[in-house]
Amino acid sequence: STPNAPEDDVANRYSRTERTTYSRYSRDANSSGNSVPSNALEKRIEELERELAKERQENVRLMKITQDKEELIVKLKEEIDLLNR
């Protein structure tokens, strides 16, 4: 495994602080005179944040699967080389 595995990058790219800061910023920006009630906007933001978290988890899972398959390919290529000798 490599020191900078893809799933590490994905998992660390969006820290909890960044998500809550974005969430707070969005609420502050939306509360300043929109016709849509801020409560509805907050619920929508929370819904989107949950969806985003699920997508990130799925992305990490797929990156791990890809990495595992790439490692298997390398091992199989090495085995083929050994068999060809």
N, C-alpha and C. Protein backbone atom coordinates (compact mmCIF):
# COMPACT_ATOMS: atom_id res chain seq x y z
N SER A 1 0.84 -1.21 0.00
CA SER A 1 0.00 0.00 0.00
C SER A 1 0.87 1.25 0.00
N THR A 2 0.38 2.28 -0.65
CA THR A 2 1.15 3.52 -0.77
C THR A 2 0.89 4.42 0.41
N PRO A 3 1.86 5.30 0.74
CA PRO A 3 1.65 6.20 1.89
C PRO A 3 0.49 7.17 1.68
N ASN A 4 0.29 7.62 0.45
CA ASN A 4 -0.83 8.53 0.17
C ASN A 4 -1.91 7.80 -0.61
N ALA A 5 -2.56 6.88 0.06
CA ALA A 5 -3.61 6.10 -0.59
C ALA A 5 -4.75 7.02 -0.98
N PRO A 6 -5.40 6.76 -2.12
CA PRO A 6 -6.49 7.63 -2.59
C PRO A 6 -7.60 7.82 -1.57
N GLU A 7 -7.96 6.74 -0.85
CA GLU A 7 -9.07 6.91 0.10
C GLU A 7 -8.68 7.82 1.25
N ASP A 8 -7.38 7.88 1.59
CA ASP A 8 -6.95 8.81 2.64
C ASP A 8 -7.17 10.24 2.19
N ASP A 9 -6.83 10.52 0.94
CA ASP A 9 -7.03 11.87 0.40
C ASP A 9 -8.50 12.25 0.45
N VAL A 10 -9.34 11.34 0.04
CA VAL A 10 -10.79 11.62 0.01
C VAL A 10 -11.31 11.84 1.43
N ALA A 11 -10.93 10.96 2.33
CA ALA A 11 -11.43 11.05 3.70
C ALA A 11 -10.96 12.32 4.39
N ASN A 12 -9.73 12.73 4.10
CA ASN A 12 -9.16 13.89 4.79
C ASN A 12 -9.45 15.21 4.09
N ARG A 13 -9.88 15.14 2.85
CA ARG A 13 -10.09 16.36 2.08
C ARG A 13 -11.16 17.26 2.70
N TYR A 14 -12.19 16.65 3.23
CA TYR A 14 -13.30 17.41 3.80
C TYR A 14 -13.37 17.15 5.29
N SER A 15 -12.74 18.00 6.05
CA SER A 15 -12.77 17.81 7.50
C SER A 15 -14.13 18.21 8.05
N ARG A 16 -14.42 17.75 9.24
CA ARG A 16 -15.69 18.09 9.92
C ARG A 16 -15.82 19.60 10.07
N THR A 17 -14.71 20.27 10.37
CA THR A 17 -14.73 21.73 10.56
C THR A 17 -15.17 22.44 9.28
N GLU A 18 -14.63 22.01 8.14
CA GLU A 18 -15.01 22.64 6.87
C GLU A 18 -16.49 22.47 6.61
N ARG A 19 -17.02 21.28 6.88
CA ARG A 19 -18.45 21.04 6.62
C ARG A 19 -19.32 21.91 7.51
N THR A 20 -18.96 22.01 8.81
CA THR A 20 -19.80 22.81 9.70
C THR A 20 -19.64 24.29 9.40
N THR A 21 -18.44 24.71 9.01
CA THR A 21 -18.25 26.11 8.64
C THR A 21 -19.10 26.45 7.43
N TYR A 22 -19.09 25.58 6.42
CA TYR A 22 -19.90 25.79 5.23
C TYR A 22 -21.37 25.84 5.62
N SER A 23 -21.78 24.93 6.46
CA SER A 23 -23.18 24.87 6.88
C SER A 23 -23.58 26.16 7.59
N ARG A 24 -22.74 26.63 8.50
CA ARG A 24 -23.04 27.87 9.22
C ARG A 24 -23.08 29.06 8.25
N TYR A 25 -22.12 29.10 7.34
CA TYR A 25 -22.06 30.20 6.38
C TYR A 25 -23.32 30.22 5.53
N SER A 26 -23.75 29.05 5.07
CA SER A 26 -24.94 28.97 4.23
C SER A 26 -26.16 29.46 4.98
N ARG A 27 -26.29 29.06 6.23
CA ARG A 27 -27.45 29.50 7.01
C ARG A 27 -27.44 31.01 7.21
N ASP A 28 -26.26 31.57 7.53
CA ASP A 28 -26.15 33.02 7.72
C ASP A 28 -26.50 33.76 6.44
N ALA A 29 -26.00 33.27 5.32
CA ALA A 29 -26.25 33.94 4.04
C ALA A 29 -27.72 33.86 3.68
N ASN A 30 -28.36 32.73 3.95
CA ASN A 30 -29.74 32.54 3.57
C ASN A 30 -30.73 33.22 4.52
N SER A 31 -30.29 33.52 5.72
CA SER A 31 -31.22 34.10 6.69
C SER A 31 -31.39 35.60 6.49
N SER A 32 -30.67 36.18 5.55
CA SER A 32 -30.71 37.63 5.41
C SER A 32 -31.70 38.07 4.33
N GLY A 33 -32.95 37.64 4.43
CA GLY A 33 -33.98 38.21 3.57
C GLY A 33 -34.48 37.35 2.45
N ASN A 34 -34.27 36.06 2.46
CA ASN A 34 -34.86 35.20 1.45
C ASN A 34 -36.33 34.97 1.77
N SER A 35 -37.13 34.73 0.75
CA SER A 35 -38.55 34.49 0.98
C SER A 35 -38.80 33.08 1.51
N VAL A 36 -37.87 32.15 1.26
CA VAL A 36 -38.01 30.78 1.76
C VAL A 36 -37.67 30.79 3.25
N PRO A 37 -38.49 30.18 4.09
CA PRO A 37 -38.19 30.15 5.52
C PRO A 37 -36.84 29.50 5.80
N SER A 38 -36.08 30.10 6.72
CA SER A 38 -34.74 29.59 7.00
C SER A 38 -34.79 28.18 7.56
N ASN A 39 -35.86 27.84 8.26
CA ASN A 39 -36.00 26.49 8.79
C ASN A 39 -36.03 25.47 7.65
N ALA A 40 -36.73 25.77 6.59
CA ALA A 40 -36.80 24.87 5.44
C ALA A 40 -35.43 24.78 4.77
N LEU A 41 -34.74 25.91 4.69
CA LEU A 41 -33.40 25.90 4.10
C LEU A 41 -32.43 25.09 4.95
N GLU A 42 -32.52 25.25 6.26
CA GLU A 42 -31.64 24.48 7.15
C GLU A 42 -31.89 22.99 6.99
N LYS A 43 -33.16 22.59 6.89
CA LYS A 43 -33.48 21.18 6.69
C LYS A 43 -32.92 20.68 5.37
N ARG A 44 -33.04 21.49 4.33
CA ARG A 44 -32.51 21.11 3.01
C ARG A 44 -30.99 20.99 3.04
N ILE A 45 -30.35 21.93 3.74
CA ILE A 45 -28.89 21.88 3.86
C ILE A 45 -28.47 20.61 4.60
N GLU A 46 -29.17 20.30 5.69
CA GLU A 46 -28.84 19.09 6.45
C GLU A 46 -29.05 17.85 5.59
N GLU A 47 -30.13 17.84 4.81
CA GLU A 47 -30.40 16.71 3.92
C GLU A 47 -29.28 16.56 2.89
N LEU A 48 -28.86 17.68 2.31
CA LEU A 48 -27.78 17.65 1.33
C LEU A 48 -26.46 17.24 1.97
N GLU A 49 -26.21 17.67 3.20
CA GLU A 49 -24.99 17.28 3.90
C GLU A 49 -24.97 15.77 4.16
N ARG A 50 -26.12 15.20 4.53
CA ARG A 50 -26.21 13.75 4.74
C ARG A 50 -25.96 13.02 3.42
N GLU A 51 -26.56 13.52 2.36
CA GLU A 51 -26.37 12.91 1.04
C GLU A 51 -24.90 12.99 0.63
N LEU A 52 -24.29 14.14 0.87
CA LEU A 52 -22.88 14.32 0.53
C LEU A 52 -22.00 13.37 1.33
N ALA A 53 -22.30 13.20 2.61
CA ALA A 53 -21.53 12.27 3.45
C ALA A 53 -21.64 10.84 2.90
N LYS A 54 -22.84 10.45 2.48
CA LYS A 54 -23.03 9.11 1.90
C LYS A 54 -22.22 8.97 0.62
N GLU A 55 -22.26 10.00 -0.22
CA GLU A 55 -21.50 9.97 -1.48
C GLU A 55 -20.00 9.86 -1.22
N ARG A 56 -19.53 10.58 -0.21
CA ARG A 56 -18.10 10.51 0.14
C ARG A 56 -17.73 9.11 0.62
N GLN A 57 -18.60 8.51 1.45
CA GLN A 57 -18.34 7.15 1.92
C GLN A 57 -18.29 6.18 0.75
N GLU A 58 -19.22 6.34 -0.17
CA GLU A 58 -19.25 5.48 -1.36
C GLU A 58 -17.99 5.69 -2.20
N ASN A 59 -17.56 6.93 -2.31
CA ASN A 59 -16.35 7.25 -3.07
C ASN A 59 -15.13 6.58 -2.43
N VAL A 60 -15.03 6.65 -1.11
CA VAL A 60 -13.92 6.01 -0.40
C VAL A 60 -13.97 4.50 -0.63
N ARG A 61 -15.16 3.92 -0.56
CA ARG A 61 -15.32 2.48 -0.77
C ARG A 61 -14.87 2.08 -2.18
N LEU A 62 -15.29 2.86 -3.18
CA LEU A 62 -14.92 2.56 -4.56
C LEU A 62 -13.43 2.75 -4.80
N MET A 63 -12.85 3.77 -4.16
CA MET A 63 -11.40 3.99 -4.30
C MET A 63 -10.64 2.79 -3.71
N LYS A 64 -11.12 2.26 -2.59
CA LYS A 64 -10.48 1.10 -1.96
C LYS A 64 -10.59 -0.11 -2.87
N ILE A 65 -11.76 -0.32 -3.45
CA ILE A 65 -11.94 -1.45 -4.37
C ILE A 65 -10.99 -1.31 -5.56
N THR A 66 -10.89 -0.10 -6.10
CA THR A 66 -10.00 0.15 -7.24
C THR A 66 -8.55 -0.13 -6.86
N GLN A 67 -8.14 0.33 -5.70
CA GLN A 67 -6.77 0.09 -5.26
C GLN A 67 -6.51 -1.40 -5.09
N ASP A 68 -7.46 -2.13 -4.49
CA ASP A 68 -7.31 -3.57 -4.32
C ASP A 68 -7.18 -4.27 -5.67
N LYS A 69 -7.98 -3.86 -6.63
CA LYS A 69 -7.92 -4.47 -7.96
C LYS A 69 -6.59 -4.16 -8.65
N GLU A 70 -6.10 -2.93 -8.48
CA GLU A 70 -4.81 -2.56 -9.07
C GLU A 70 -3.69 -3.39 -8.46
N GLU A 71 -3.75 -3.61 -7.14
CA GLU A 71 -2.74 -4.44 -6.48
C GLU A 71 -2.81 -5.88 -6.98
N LEU A 72 -4.02 -6.39 -7.19
CA LEU A 72 -4.19 -7.75 -7.72
C LEU A 72 -3.62 -7.85 -9.13
N ILE A 73 -3.84 -6.84 -9.94
CA ILE A 73 -3.31 -6.82 -11.31
C ILE A 73 -1.79 -6.90 -11.28
N VAL A 74 -1.16 -6.11 -10.40
CA VAL A 74 0.30 -6.12 -10.29
C VAL A 74 0.79 -7.52 -9.90
N LYS A 75 0.12 -8.13 -8.91
CA LYS A 75 0.51 -9.48 -8.48
C LYS A 75 0.36 -10.49 -9.60
N LEU A 76 -0.76 -10.39 -10.34
CA LEU A 76 -0.98 -11.33 -11.44
C LEU A 76 0.03 -11.14 -12.56
N LYS A 77 0.41 -9.88 -12.85
CA LYS A 77 1.43 -9.62 -13.87
C LYS A 77 2.76 -10.23 -13.45
N GLU A 78 3.09 -10.10 -12.16
CA GLU A 78 4.33 -10.70 -11.66
C GLU A 78 4.29 -12.21 -11.79
N GLU A 79 3.14 -12.81 -11.48
CA GLU A 79 2.99 -14.26 -11.60
C GLU A 79 3.10 -14.70 -13.05
N ILE A 80 2.52 -13.94 -13.97
CA ILE A 80 2.62 -14.26 -15.40
C ILE A 80 4.06 -14.19 -15.85
N ASP A 81 4.78 -13.18 -15.40
CA ASP A 81 6.19 -13.06 -15.76
C ASP A 81 6.99 -14.28 -15.27
N LEU A 82 6.69 -14.70 -14.02
CA LEU A 82 7.37 -15.88 -13.49
C LEU A 82 7.05 -17.13 -14.31
N LEU A 83 5.80 -17.27 -14.70
CA LEU A 83 5.39 -18.44 -15.48
C LEU A 83 6.02 -18.43 -16.88
N ASN A 84 6.23 -17.25 -17.42
CA ASN A 84 6.80 -17.15 -18.76
C ASN A 84 8.30 -17.44 -18.80
N ARG A 85 8.95 -17.39 -17.64
CA ARG A 85 10.41 -17.63 -17.62
C ARG A 85 10.74 -19.09 -17.70
